[in-house]
PDB file of N, CA and C in Angstrom:
ATOM      1  N   MET A   1    -106.339  21.432 -82.678  1.00  0.00           N
ATOM      2  CA  MET A   1    -105.289  21.801 -83.598  1.00  0.00           C
ATOM      3  C   MET A   1    -104.669  20.520 -84.160  1.00  0.00           C
ATOM      4  N   GLU A   2    -103.978  20.686 -85.283  1.00  0.00           N
ATOM      5  CA  GLU A   2    -103.308  19.554 -85.896  1.00  0.00           C
ATOM      6  C   GLU A   2    -101.903  19.934 -86.354  1.00  0.00           C
ATOM      7  N   LEU A   3    -101.010  18.967 -86.311  1.00  0.00           N
ATOM      8  CA  LEU A   3     -99.675  19.088 -86.882  1.00  0.00           C
ATOM      9  C   LEU A   3     -99.492  17.949 -87.861  1.00  0.00           C
ATOM     10  N   THR A   4     -98.818  18.226 -88.975  1.00  0.00           N
ATOM     11  CA  THR A   4     -98.513  17.174 -89.931  1.00  0.00           C
ATOM     12  C   THR A   4     -97.016  17.129 -90.154  1.00  0.00           C
ATOM     13  N   GLY A   5     -96.525  15.937 -90.447  1.00  0.00           N
ATOM     14  CA  GLY A   5     -95.105  15.808 -90.708  1.00  0.00           C
ATOM     15  C   GLY A   5     -94.650  14.362 -90.716  1.00  0.00           C
ATOM     16  N   LYS A   6     -93.328  14.205 -90.741  1.00  0.00           N
ATOM     17  CA  LYS A   6     -92.691  12.896 -90.797  1.00  0.00           C
ATOM     18  C   LYS A   6     -92.166  12.531 -89.407  1.00  0.00           C
ATOM     19  N   ILE A   7     -92.419  11.298 -88.990  1.00  0.00           N
ATOM     20  CA  ILE A   7     -91.942  10.840 -87.689  1.00  0.00           C
ATOM     21  C   ILE A   7     -90.424  10.684 -87.724  1.00  0.00           C
ATOM     22  N   LEU A   8     -89.751  11.328 -86.780  1.00  0.00           N
ATOM     23  CA  LEU A   8     -88.307  11.193 -86.625  1.00  0.00           C
ATOM     24  C   LEU A   8     -87.945  10.206 -85.516  1.00  0.00           C
ATOM     25  N   GLN A   9     -88.742  10.199 -84.444  1.00  0.00           N
ATOM     26  CA  GLN A   9     -88.476   9.333 -83.291  1.00  0.00           C
ATOM     27  C   GLN A   9     -89.769   8.968 -82.601  1.00  0.00           C
ATOM     28  N   ILE A  10     -89.810   7.732 -82.098  1.00  0.00           N
ATOM     29  CA  ILE A  10     -90.898   7.313 -81.214  1.00  0.00           C
ATOM     30  C   ILE A  10     -90.237   6.715 -79.975  1.00  0.00           C
ATOM     31  N   GLY A  11     -90.499   7.306 -78.835  1.00  0.00           N
ATOM     32  CA  GLY A  11     -89.916   6.815 -77.594  1.00  0.00           C
ATOM     33  C   GLY A  11     -90.680   5.640 -77.023  1.00  0.00           C
ATOM     34  N   THR A  12     -90.117   5.058 -75.998  1.00  0.00           N
ATOM     35  CA  THR A  12     -90.799   3.985 -75.284  1.00  0.00           C
ATOM     36  C   THR A  12     -91.701   4.597 -74.218  1.00  0.00           C
ATOM     37  N   THR A  13     -92.681   3.834 -73.797  1.00  0.00           N
ATOM     38  CA  THR A  13     -93.571   4.295 -72.737  1.00  0.00           C
ATOM     39  C   THR A  13     -92.825   4.263 -71.407  1.00  0.00           C
ATOM     40  N   LYS A  14     -92.903   5.370 -70.669  1.00  0.00           N
ATOM     41  CA  LYS A  14     -92.253   5.478 -69.366  1.00  0.00           C
ATOM     42  C   LYS A  14     -93.328   5.683 -68.303  1.00  0.00           C
ATOM     43  N   GLU A  15     -93.130   5.036 -67.161  1.00  0.00           N
ATOM     44  CA  GLU A  15     -94.059   5.191 -66.043  1.00  0.00           C
ATOM     45  C   GLU A  15     -93.390   5.986 -64.932  1.00  0.00           C
ATOM     46  N   PHE A  16     -94.184   6.854 -64.298  1.00  0.00           N
ATOM     47  CA  PHE A  16     -93.678   7.728 -63.236  1.00  0.00           C
ATOM     48  C   PHE A  16     -94.557   7.590 -61.998  1.00  0.00           C
ATOM     49  N   GLY A  17     -93.921   7.607 -60.843  1.00  0.00           N
ATOM     50  CA  GLY A  17     -94.652   7.603 -59.582  1.00  0.00           C
ATOM     51  C   GLY A  17     -95.349   6.290 -59.284  1.00  0.00           C
ATOM     52  N   THR A  18     -96.013   6.282 -58.153  1.00  0.00           N
ATOM     53  CA  THR A  18     -96.689   5.068 -57.702  1.00  0.00           C
ATOM     54  C   THR A  18     -98.107   4.943 -58.254  1.00  0.00           C
ATOM     55  N   LYS A  19     -98.618   6.010 -58.861  1.00  0.00           N
ATOM     56  CA  LYS A  19     -99.992   5.976 -59.372  1.00  0.00           C
ATOM     57  C   LYS A  19    -100.063   5.551 -60.830  1.00  0.00           C
ATOM     58  N   GLY A  20     -98.913   5.209 -61.432  1.00  0.00           N
ATOM     59  CA  GLY A  20     -98.913   4.673 -62.784  1.00  0.00           C
ATOM     60  C   GLY A  20     -99.086   5.698 -63.889  1.00  0.00           C
ATOM     61  N   PHE A  21     -98.617   6.931 -63.685  1.00  0.00           N
ATOM     62  CA  PHE A  21     -98.671   7.928 -64.761  1.00  0.00           C
ATOM     63  C   PHE A  21     -97.751   7.465 -65.891  1.00  0.00           C
ATOM     64  N   LYS A  22     -98.272   7.444 -67.125  1.00  0.00           N
ATOM     65  CA  LYS A  22     -97.494   6.989 -68.282  1.00  0.00           C
ATOM     66  C   LYS A  22     -97.360   8.109 -69.309  1.00  0.00           C
ATOM     67  N   LYS A  23     -96.183   8.120 -69.954  1.00  0.00           N
ATOM     68  CA  LYS A  23     -95.910   9.131 -70.978  1.00  0.00           C
ATOM     69  C   LYS A  23     -95.046   8.511 -72.063  1.00  0.00           C
ATOM     70  N   ARG A  24     -95.299   8.923 -73.307  1.00  0.00           N
ATOM     71  CA  ARG A  24     -94.505   8.470 -74.450  1.00  0.00           C
ATOM     72  C   ARG A  24     -94.295   9.651 -75.382  1.00  0.00           C
ATOM     73  N   ASP A  25     -93.035   9.876 -75.788  1.00  0.00           N
ATOM     74  CA  ASP A  25     -92.697  11.022 -76.632  1.00  0.00           C
ATOM     75  C   ASP A  25     -92.588  10.619 -78.095  1.00  0.00           C
ATOM     76  N   LEU A  26     -92.967  11.537 -78.940  1.00  0.00           N
ATOM     77  CA  LEU A  26     -92.871  11.391 -80.387  1.00  0.00           C
ATOM     78  C   LEU A  26     -92.275  12.681 -80.927  1.00  0.00           C
ATOM     79  N   VAL A  27     -91.359  12.586 -81.884  1.00  0.00           N
ATOM     80  CA  VAL A  27     -90.792  13.776 -82.524  1.00  0.00           C
ATOM     81  C   VAL A  27     -91.135  13.698 -84.006  1.00  0.00           C
ATOM     82  N   ILE A  28     -91.721  14.777 -84.527  1.00  0.00           N
ATOM     83  CA  ILE A  28     -91.980  14.856 -85.962  1.00  0.00           C
ATOM     84  C   ILE A  28     -91.240  16.058 -86.540  1.00  0.00           C
ATOM     85  N   GLN A  29     -91.017  15.982 -87.834  1.00  0.00           N
ATOM     86  CA  GLN A  29     -90.513  17.141 -88.575  1.00  0.00           C
ATOM     87  C   GLN A  29     -91.660  17.622 -89.436  1.00  0.00           C
ATOM     88  N   THR A  30     -92.052  18.869 -89.245  1.00  0.00           N
ATOM     89  CA  THR A  30     -93.190  19.412 -89.982  1.00  0.00           C
ATOM     90  C   THR A  30     -92.841  19.564 -91.459  1.00  0.00           C
ATOM     91  N   SER A  31     -93.865  19.707 -92.261  1.00  0.00           N
ATOM     92  CA  SER A  31     -93.677  19.754 -93.715  1.00  0.00           C
ATOM     93  C   SER A  31     -94.026  21.127 -94.271  1.00  0.00           C
ATOM     94  N   GLU A  32     -93.523  22.156 -93.656  1.00  0.00           N
ATOM     95  CA  GLU A  32     -93.782  23.514 -94.123  1.00  0.00           C
ATOM     96  C   GLU A  32     -92.514  24.107 -94.747  1.00  0.00           C
ATOM     97  N   GLN A  33     -92.579  25.361 -95.162  1.00  0.00           N
ATOM     98  CA  GLN A  33     -91.426  25.984 -95.813  1.00  0.00           C
ATOM     99  C   GLN A  33     -90.185  25.938 -94.924  1.00  0.00           C
ATOM    100  N   TYR A  34     -90.358  26.182 -93.641  1.00  0.00           N
ATOM    101  CA  TYR A  34     -89.266  26.112 -92.678  1.00  0.00           C
ATOM    102  C   TYR A  34     -89.591  24.989 -91.691  1.00  0.00           C
ATOM    103  N   PRO A  35     -89.208  23.759 -92.024  1.00  0.00           N
ATOM    104  CA  PRO A  35     -89.585  22.601 -91.189  1.00  0.00           C
ATOM    105  C   PRO A  35     -89.089  22.743 -89.753  1.00  0.00           C
ATOM    106  N   GLN A  36     -89.927  22.306 -88.842  1.00  0.00           N
ATOM    107  CA  GLN A  36     -89.622  22.339 -87.422  1.00  0.00           C
ATOM    108  C   GLN A  36     -89.620  20.922 -86.867  1.00  0.00           C
ATOM    109  N   LYS A  37     -88.747  20.661 -85.916  1.00  0.00           N
ATOM    110  CA  LYS A  37     -88.744  19.387 -85.205  1.00  0.00           C
ATOM    111  C   LYS A  37     -89.501  19.612 -83.907  1.00  0.00           C
ATOM    112  N   VAL A  38     -90.623  18.907 -83.749  1.00  0.00           N
ATOM    113  CA  VAL A  38     -91.539  19.170 -82.647  1.00  0.00           C
ATOM    114  C   VAL A  38     -91.706  17.914 -81.794  1.00  0.00           C
ATOM    115  N   LEU A  39     -91.546  18.076 -80.479  1.00  0.00           N
ATOM    116  CA  LEU A  39     -91.759  17.011 -79.513  1.00  0.00           C
ATOM    117  C   LEU A  39     -93.230  17.031 -79.097  1.00  0.00           C
ATOM    118  N   ILE A  40     -93.881  15.866 -79.190  1.00  0.00           N
ATOM    119  CA  ILE A  40     -95.282  15.737 -78.809  1.00  0.00           C
ATOM    120  C   ILE A  40     -95.377  14.622 -77.780  1.00  0.00           C
ATOM    121  N   GLU A  41     -96.061  14.897 -76.678  1.00  0.00           N
ATOM    122  CA  GLU A  41     -96.232  13.916 -75.613  1.00  0.00           C
ATOM    123  C   GLU A  41     -97.579  13.225 -75.756  1.00  0.00           C
ATOM    124  N   PHE A  42     -97.571  11.915 -75.585  1.00  0.00           N
ATOM    125  CA  PHE A  42     -98.804  11.146 -75.491  1.00  0.00           C
ATOM    126  C   PHE A  42     -98.842  10.579 -74.078  1.00  0.00           C
ATOM    127  N   ILE A  43     -99.969  10.742 -73.379  1.00  0.00           N
ATOM    128  CA  ILE A  43    -100.021  10.312 -71.978  1.00  0.00           C
ATOM    129  C   ILE A  43    -101.130   9.287 -71.755  1.00  0.00           C
ATOM    130  N   GLN A  44    -100.936   8.522 -70.680  1.00  0.00           N
ATOM    131  CA  GLN A  44    -101.870   7.510 -70.197  1.00  0.00           C
ATOM    132  C   GLN A  44    -102.282   6.539 -71.312  1.00  0.00           C
ATOM    133  N   ASP A  45    -103.571   6.382 -71.570  1.00  0.00           N
ATOM    134  CA  ASP A  45    -104.032   5.401 -72.561  1.00  0.00           C
ATOM    135  C   ASP A  45    -103.697   5.797 -73.999  1.00  0.00           C
ATOM    136  N   LYS A  46    -103.261   7.018 -74.224  1.00  0.00           N
ATOM    137  CA  LYS A  46    -102.891   7.463 -75.580  1.00  0.00           C
ATOM    138  C   LYS A  46    -101.507   6.951 -75.990  1.00  0.00           C
ATOM    139  N   CYS A  47    -100.712   6.471 -75.026  1.00  0.00           N
ATOM    140  CA  CYS A  47     -99.368   5.943 -75.342  1.00  0.00           C
ATOM    141  C   CYS A  47     -99.441   4.804 -76.349  1.00  0.00           C
ATOM    142  N   GLN A  48    -100.403   3.939 -76.185  1.00  0.00           N
ATOM    143  CA  GLN A  48    -100.479   2.740 -77.019  1.00  0.00           C
ATOM    144  C   GLN A  48    -100.894   3.022 -78.457  1.00  0.00           C
ATOM    145  N   ILE A  49    -101.465   4.181 -78.752  1.00  0.00           N
ATOM    146  CA  ILE A  49    -101.864   4.442 -80.142  1.00  0.00           C
ATOM    147  C   ILE A  49    -100.650   4.645 -81.058  1.00  0.00           C
ATOM    148  N   LEU A  50     -99.475   4.843 -80.459  1.00  0.00           N
ATOM    149  CA  LEU A  50     -98.256   4.997 -81.268  1.00  0.00           C
ATOM    150  C   LEU A  50     -97.679   3.656 -81.716  1.00  0.00           C
ATOM    151  N   ASP A  51     -98.176   2.550 -81.170  1.00  0.00           N
ATOM    152  CA  ASP A  51     -97.615   1.228 -81.463  1.00  0.00           C
ATOM    153  C   ASP A  51     -97.626   0.872 -82.947  1.00  0.00           C
ATOM    154  N   ARG A  52     -98.586   1.339 -83.698  1.00  0.00           N
ATOM    155  CA  ARG A  52     -98.689   0.946 -85.109  1.00  0.00           C
ATOM    156  C   ARG A  52     -97.905   1.850 -86.064  1.00  0.00           C
ATOM    157  N   TYR A  53     -97.207   2.847 -85.528  1.00  0.00           N
ATOM    158  CA  TYR A  53     -96.454   3.781 -86.366  1.00  0.00           C
ATOM    159  C   TYR A  53     -94.964   3.541 -86.227  1.00  0.00           C
ATOM    160  N   LYS A  54     -94.206   4.017 -87.230  1.00  0.00           N
ATOM    161  CA  LYS A  54     -92.756   3.835 -87.212  1.00  0.00           C
ATOM    162  C   LYS A  54     -92.075   5.079 -87.763  1.00  0.00           C
ATOM    163  N   LYS A  55     -90.768   5.123 -87.584  1.00  0.00           N
ATOM    164  CA  LYS A  55     -89.957   6.221 -88.100  1.00  0.00           C
ATOM    165  C   LYS A  55     -90.186   6.357 -89.601  1.00  0.00           C
ATOM    166  N   GLU A  56     -90.232   7.593 -90.083  1.00  0.00           N
ATOM    167  CA  GLU A  56     -90.418   7.970 -91.487  1.00  0.00           C
ATOM    168  C   GLU A  56     -91.885   8.003 -91.930  1.00  0.00           C
ATOM    169  N   ASP A  57     -92.826   7.503 -91.114  1.00  0.00           N
ATOM    170  CA  ASP A  57     -94.242   7.581 -91.493  1.00  0.00           C
ATOM    171  C   ASP A  57     -94.668   9.044 -91.572  1.00  0.00           C
ATOM    172  N   GLN A  58     -95.484   9.358 -92.562  1.00  0.00           N
ATOM    173  CA  GLN A  58     -96.080  10.682 -92.691  1.00  0.00           C
ATOM    174  C   GLN A  58     -97.401  10.667 -91.928  1.00  0.00           C
ATOM    175  N   VAL A  59     -97.564  11.585 -90.980  1.00  0.00           N
ATOM    176  CA  VAL A  59     -98.718  11.538 -90.091  1.00  0.00           C
ATOM    177  C   VAL A  59     -99.360  12.906 -89.892  1.00  0.00           C
ATOM    178  N   LYS A  60    -100.598  12.839 -89.456  1.00  0.00           N
ATOM    179  CA  LYS A  60    -101.346  14.021 -89.020  1.00  0.00           C
ATOM    180  C   LYS A  60    -101.742  13.738 -87.571  1.00  0.00           C
ATOM    181  N   ILE A  61    -101.418  14.677 -86.670  1.00  0.00           N
ATOM    182  CA  ILE A  61    -101.605  14.468 -85.243  1.00  0.00           C
ATOM    183  C   ILE A  61    -102.525  15.540 -84.677  1.00  0.00           C
ATOM    184  N   GLY A  62    -103.555  15.099 -83.974  1.00  0.00           N
ATOM    185  CA  GLY A  62    -104.413  16.010 -83.222  1.00  0.00           C
ATOM    186  C   GLY A  62    -103.708  16.360 -81.919  1.00  0.00           C
ATOM    187  N   ILE A  63    -103.580  17.647 -81.634  1.00  0.00           N
ATOM    188  CA  ILE A  63    -102.823  18.079 -80.451  1.00  0.00           C
ATOM    189  C   ILE A  63    -103.614  19.076 -79.602  1.00  0.00           C
ATOM    190  N   ASN A  64    -103.221  19.153 -78.361  1.00  0.00           N
ATOM    191  CA  ASN A  64    -103.635  20.212 -77.444  1.00  0.00           C
ATOM    192  C   ASN A  64    -102.373  20.857 -76.907  1.00  0.00           C
ATOM    193  N   ILE A  65    -102.372  22.174 -76.805  1.00  0.00           N
ATOM    194  CA  ILE A  65    -101.250  22.889 -76.205  1.00  0.00           C
ATOM    195  C   ILE A  65    -101.622  23.184 -74.761  1.00  0.00           C
ATOM    196  N   LYS A  66    -100.767  22.729 -73.855  1.00  0.00           N
ATOM    197  CA  LYS A  66    -101.017  22.902 -72.423  1.00  0.00           C
ATOM    198  C   LYS A  66    -100.012  23.890 -71.865  1.00  0.00           C
ATOM    199  N   GLY A  67    -100.449  24.741 -70.972  1.00  0.00           N
ATOM    200  CA  GLY A  67     -99.575  25.688 -70.296  1.00  0.00           C
ATOM    201  C   GLY A  67     -99.776  25.602 -68.798  1.00  0.00           C
ATOM    202  N   ARG A  68     -98.714  25.817 -68.048  1.00  0.00           N
ATOM    203  CA  ARG A  68     -98.842  25.795 -66.596  1.00  0.00           C
ATOM    204  C   ARG A  68     -97.864  26.800 -65.966  1.00  0.00           C
ATOM    205  N   GLU A  69     -98.217  27.174 -64.781  1.00  0.00           N
ATOM    206  CA  GLU A  69     -97.427  28.138 -64.016  1.00  0.00           C
ATOM    207  C   GLU A  69     -96.772  27.423 -62.837  1.00  0.00           C
ATOM    208  N   TRP A  70     -95.563  27.840 -62.499  1.00  0.00           N
ATOM    209  CA  TRP A  70     -94.837  27.272 -61.364  1.00  0.00           C
ATOM    210  C   TRP A  70     -94.117  28.412 -60.663  1.00  0.00           C
ATOM    211  N   THR A  71     -94.117  28.399 -59.357  1.00  0.00           N
ATOM    212  CA  THR A  71     -93.408  29.400 -58.569  1.00  0.00           C
ATOM    213  C   THR A  71     -92.210  28.735 -57.915  1.00  0.00           C
ATOM    214  N   ASN A  72     -91.012  29.286 -58.141  1.00  0.00           N
ATOM    215  CA  ASN A  72     -89.793  28.676 -57.592  1.00  0.00           C
ATOM    216  C   ASN A  72     -89.583  29.107 -56.134  1.00  0.00           C
ATOM    217  N   ASP A  73     -88.464  28.660 -55.549  1.00  0.00           N
ATOM    218  CA  ASP A  73     -88.166  28.952 -54.137  1.00  0.00           C
ATOM    219  C   ASP A  73     -87.959  30.439 -53.859  1.00  0.00           C
ATOM    220  N   HIS A  74     -87.667  31.235 -54.879  1.00  0.00           N
ATOM    221  CA  HIS A  74     -87.459  32.679 -54.733  1.00  0.00           C
ATOM    222  C   HIS A  74     -88.725  33.465 -55.064  1.00  0.00           C
ATOM    223  N   ASN A  75     -89.836  32.766 -55.089  1.00  0.00           N
ATOM    224  CA  ASN A  75     -91.150  33.346 -55.368  1.00  0.00           C
ATOM    225  C   ASN A  75     -91.250  33.966 -56.769  1.00  0.00           C
ATOM    226  N   GLN A  76     -90.447  33.443 -57.699  1.00  0.00           N
ATOM    227  CA  GLN A  76     -90.519  33.893 -59.092  1.00  0.00           C
ATOM    228  C   GLN A  76     -91.423  32.946 -59.867  1.00  0.00           C
ATOM    229  N   LYS A  77     -92.307  33.501 -60.650  1.00  0.00           N
ATOM    230  CA  LYS A  77     -93.212  32.680 -61.460  1.00  0.00           C
ATOM    231  C   LYS A  77     -92.534  32.293 -62.764  1.00  0.00           C
ATOM    232  N   LYS A  78     -92.702  31.051 -63.112  1.00  0.00           N
ATOM    233  CA  LYS A  78     -92.204  30.522 -64.386  1.00  0.00           C
ATOM    234  C   LYS A  78     -93.383  29.891 -65.103  1.00  0.00           C
ATOM    235  N   PHE A  79     -93.332  29.904 -66.439  1.00  0.00           N
ATOM    236  CA  PHE A  79     -94.393  29.314 -67.240  1.00  0.00           C
ATOM    237  C   PHE A  79     -93.807  28.258 -68.166  1.00  0.00           C
ATOM    238  N   PHE A  80     -94.519  27.169 -68.321  1.00  0.00           N
ATOM    239  CA  PHE A  80     -94.087  26.059 -69.152  1.00  0.00           C
ATOM    240  C   PHE A  80     -95.203  25.664 -70.105  1.00  0.00           C
ATOM    241  N   ASN A  81     -94.819  25.222 -71.292  1.00  0.00           N
ATOM    242  CA  ASN A  81     -95.769  24.740 -72.291  1.00  0.00           C
ATOM    243  C   ASN A  81     -95.448  23.298 -72.644  1.00  0.00           C
ATOM    244  N   SER A  82     -96.458  22.551 -73.027  1.00  0.00           N
ATOM    245  CA  SER A  82     -96.255  21.215 -73.560  1.00  0.00           C
ATOM    246  C   SER A  82     -97.278  20.983 -74.665  1.00  0.00           C
ATOM    247  N   ILE A  83     -96.929  20.109 -75.568  1.00  0.00           N
ATOM    248  CA  ILE A  83     -97.825  19.736 -76.659  1.00  0.00           C
ATOM    249  C   ILE A  83     -98.220  18.289 -76.432  1.00  0.00           C
ATOM    250  N   GLN A  84     -99.518  18.052 -76.250  1.00  0.00           N
ATOM    251  CA  GLN A  84    -100.004  16.703 -75.999  1.00  0.00           C
ATOM    252  C   GLN A  84    -100.803  16.205 -77.189  1.00  0.00           C
ATOM    253  N   GLY A  85    -100.435  15.018 -77.655  1.00  0.00           N
ATOM    254  CA  GLY A  85    -101.164  14.391 -78.746  1.00  0.00           C
ATOM    255  C   GLY A  85    -102.312  13.567 -78.218  1.00  0.00           C
ATOM    256  N   TRP A  86    -103.407  13.556 -78.969  1.00  0.00           N
ATOM    257  CA  TRP A  86    -104.557  12.749 -78.570  1.00  0.00           C
ATOM    258  C   TRP A  86    -105.075  11.877 -79.709  1.00  0.00           C
ATOM    259  N   LYS A  87    -104.580  12.135 -80.928  1.00  0.00           N
ATOM    260  CA  LYS A  87    -105.007  11.354 -82.095  1.00  0.00           C
ATOM    261  C   LYS A  87    -103.864  11.387 -83.103  1.00  0.00           C
ATOM    262  N   ILE A  88    -103.688  10.287 -83.829  1.00  0.00           N
ATOM    263  CA  ILE A  88    -102.677  10.239 -84.881  1.00  0.00           C
ATOM    264  C   ILE A  88    -103.216   9.364 -86.007  1.00  0.00           C
ATOM    265  N   GLU A  89    -102.924   9.776 -87.238  1.00  0.00           N
ATOM    266  CA  GLU A  89    -103.320   8.977 -88.396  1.00  0.00           C
ATOM    267  C   GLU A  89    -102.320   9.211 -89.522  1.00  0.00           C
ATOM    268  N   TYR A  90    -102.278   8.258 -90.445  1.00  0.00           N
ATOM    269  CA  TYR A  90    -101.393   8.419 -91.598  1.00  0.00           C
ATOM    270  C   TYR A  90    -101.887   9.598 -92.428  1.00  0.00           C
ATOM    271  N   HIS A  91    -100.951  10.341 -93.013  1.00  0.00           N
ATOM    272  CA  HIS A  91    -101.290  11.508 -93.822  1.00  0.00           C
ATOM    273  C   HIS A  91    -100.951  11.198 -95.274  1.00  0.00           C
ATOM    274  N   LYS A  92    -101.934  10.784 -96.023  1.00  0.00           N
ATOM    275  CA  LYS A  92    -101.736  10.304 -97.398  1.00  0.00           C
ATOM    276  C   LYS A  92    -101.197  11.381 -98.327  1.00  0.00           C
ATOM    277  N   GLU A  93    -101.658  12.623 -98.187  1.00  0.00           N
ATOM    278  CA  GLU A  93    -101.196  13.691 -99.087  1.00  0.00           C
ATOM    279  C   GLU A  93     -99.692  13.908 -98.958  1.00  0.00           C
ATOM    280  N   LEU A  94     -99.175  13.901 -97.743  1.00  0.00           N
ATOM    281  CA  LEU A  94     -97.736  14.065 -97.544  1.00  0.00           C
ATOM    282  C   LEU A  94     -96.967  12.881 -98.105  1.00  0.00           C
ATOM    283  N   GLU A  95     -97.525  11.694 -97.925  1.00  0.00           N
ATOM    284  CA  GLU A  95     -96.885  10.486 -98.429  1.00  0.00           C
ATOM    285  C   GLU A  95     -96.788  10.530 -99.957  1.00  0.00           C
ATOM    286  N   LEU A  96     -97.867  10.941-100.619  1.00  0.00           N
ATOM    287  CA  LEU A  96     -97.874  11.049-102.083  1.00  0.00           C
ATOM    288  C   LEU A  96     -96.893  12.111-102.566  1.00  0.00           C
ATOM    289  N   ALA A  97     -96.845  13.247-101.880  1.00  0.00           N
ATOM    290  CA  ALA A  97     -95.923  14.322-102.268  1.00  0.00           C
ATOM    291  C   ALA A  97     -94.477  13.844-102.163  1.00  0.00           C
ATOM    292  N   GLU A  98     -94.168  13.094-101.106  1.00  0.00           N
ATOM    293  CA  GLU A  98     -92.804  12.592-100.931  1.00  0.00           C
ATOM    294  C   GLU A  98     -92.465  11.568-102.022  1.00  0.00           C
ATOM    295  N   GLN A  99     -93.410  10.704-102.380  1.00  0.00           N
ATOM    296  CA  GLN A  99     -93.188   9.721-103.439  1.00  0.00           C
ATOM    297  C   GLN A  99     -92.952  10.420-104.776  1.00  0.00           C
ATOM    298  N   ASN A 100     -93.738  11.459-105.057  1.00  0.00           N
ATOM    299  CA  ASN A 100     -93.567  12.203-106.300  1.00  0.00           C
ATOM    300  C   ASN A 100     -92.210  12.901-106.345  1.00  0.00           C
ATOM    301  N   GLN A 101     -91.765  13.440-105.214  1.00  0.00           N
ATOM    302  CA  GLN A 101     -90.453  14.088-105.152  1.00  0.00           C
ATOM    303  C   GLN A 101     -89.348  13.068-105.401  1.00  0.00           C
ATOM    304  N   ASP A 102     -89.487  11.868-104.816  1.00  0.00           N
ATOM    305  CA  ASP A 102     -88.498  10.804-105.033  1.00  0.00           C
ATOM    306  C   ASP A 102     -88.414  10.446-106.512  1.00  0.00           C
ATOM    307  N   ARG A 103     -89.554  10.379-107.174  1.00  0.00           N
ATOM    308  CA  ARG A 103     -89.566  10.063-108.611  1.00  0.00           C
ATOM    309  C   ARG A 103     -88.907  11.178-109.419  1.00  0.00           C
ATOM    310  N   ALA A 104     -89.184  12.427-109.048  1.00  0.00           N
ATOM    311  CA  ALA A 104     -88.598  13.566-109.752  1.00  0.00           C
ATOM    312  C   ALA A 104     -87.076  13.579-109.572  1.00  0.00           C
ATOM    313  N   ASP A 105     -86.616  13.182-108.399  1.00  0.00           N
ATOM    314  CA  ASP A 105     -85.165  13.131-108.139  1.00  0.00           C
ATOM    315  C   ASP A 105     -84.480  12.070-108.991  1.00  0.00           C
ATOM    316  N   ASP A 106     -85.216  11.062-109.428  1.00  0.00           N
ATOM    317  CA  ASP A 106     -84.650   9.978-110.223  1.00  0.00           C
ATOM    318  C   ASP A 106     -84.603  10.286-111.736  1.00  0.00           C
ATOM    319  N   LEU A 107     -85.235  11.407-112.148  1.00  0.00           N
ATOM    320  CA  LEU A 107     -85.244  11.746-113.563  1.00  0.00           C
ATOM    321  C   LEU A 107     -83.843  12.123-114.033  1.00  0.00           C
ATOM    322  N   PRO A 108     -83.488  11.770-115.293  1.00  0.00           N
ATOM    323  CA  PRO A 108     -82.122  11.992-115.773  1.00  0.00           C
ATOM    324  C   PRO A 108     -81.785  13.432-116.149  1.00  0.00           C
ATOM    325  N   PHE A 109     -82.723  14.332-116.128  1.00  0.00           N
ATOM    326  CA  PHE A 109     -82.423  15.708-116.531  1.00  0.00           C
ATOM    327  C   PHE A 109     -82.421  16.683-115.406  1.00  0.00           C
TER     328      PHE A 109
END
């Protein structure tokens, strides 16, 4: 699956536990009729692929949706979802559309 949008935030890489698990969060705003702010996790060696991107970049991200089950102390099952990114690239079509909108906003009429 893919998501496209504008980068709102890029977090720093965080390490957890003694085995060196790494995670880095990215937030994008989608470019659809009703834009959504979506948190995407990049883990392990995928953390470093975010180094070349910055806030406001228009991007296309390859994602996987992960789901897991957890049972609490009262034997109740809970379900959690996460969105993991595995690929990111600049999205030229979105960038061009935004540039054209900026130009249209500058017109005197």
